[in-house]
Amino acid sequence: MNIYLLRHGQTDMNRYGIFNSYTDIELNDSGRKQAELLGKRMMNYNIDIIYSSDLGRVAETSEIINAYTDTEIIFKEELREINMGAWETLSVEQRYINDEAYASEWHKHLEDLPYPNGECGRDVSRRAMRVIDEIKKKQYENVAIVTSGGTIKILLCEILGLEQYKRFNMQIDNCSISIVSYDIQNNKQIVKCINDTGHLENLIQQYGI
């Protein structure tokens, strides 16, 4: 079984470097172009089913992809982005103003500290891995999971056996593809690629997105 971890398309918050999790926002025009190209690429992989976060930007990406894959979409709250709590939409500078000591420790990324009034990586791993376990019980060959960048990093850390704070050493771009292959019978898993954006190269060259 191959699981394709797909990040949603660009939003204006992504474009301007605003950190958000549960704030629901639609894709911008660039994000829709990215999703179209991702959908065309996914036609090559015979996708059996799409599992998607229920947040608007992710659901919109899933629907665009499914115009090309033509399969069922199952929306799962467990696949949402990490809850940033009190830091939702705050800049890094604002985080320090509100609580300098905690922000200083958090930004060292030496342990899996939670966002204030929000989640840590392990919290997300527990809920998101329930969906992976559900998928592994099915007789699928190729499954797409459409979610947010933070959730993909967290899942990759879990699958690779890394501490969750190591996710900050990963880059997951909008509408990128990361692939995990599962050998269910022998209980083995292989990360085949991370952050593949080859299908977006023309957009990147033309528009820098």
Foldseek 3Di string as FASTA:
>chain_A
DKEKEWEAFAAVCNVVVFDAFQPAGAHDPRRLVLLLLLLVVCLVPQAAEEEEEPGHRQVVSVVNSCVRNVYYYHYDPLQTAWHLAPCGRPDLVVVCVVPVVVSVVVVVLPAQDHRVRTGTLVVSCVSVVVVVVVVLVDPTDYYYYYYHPLSVLSPVCVLVVHHSSCSVVDDADHGFIWMKDAPSVVGDIDTPDGRHSVSCVVVCVPPVD
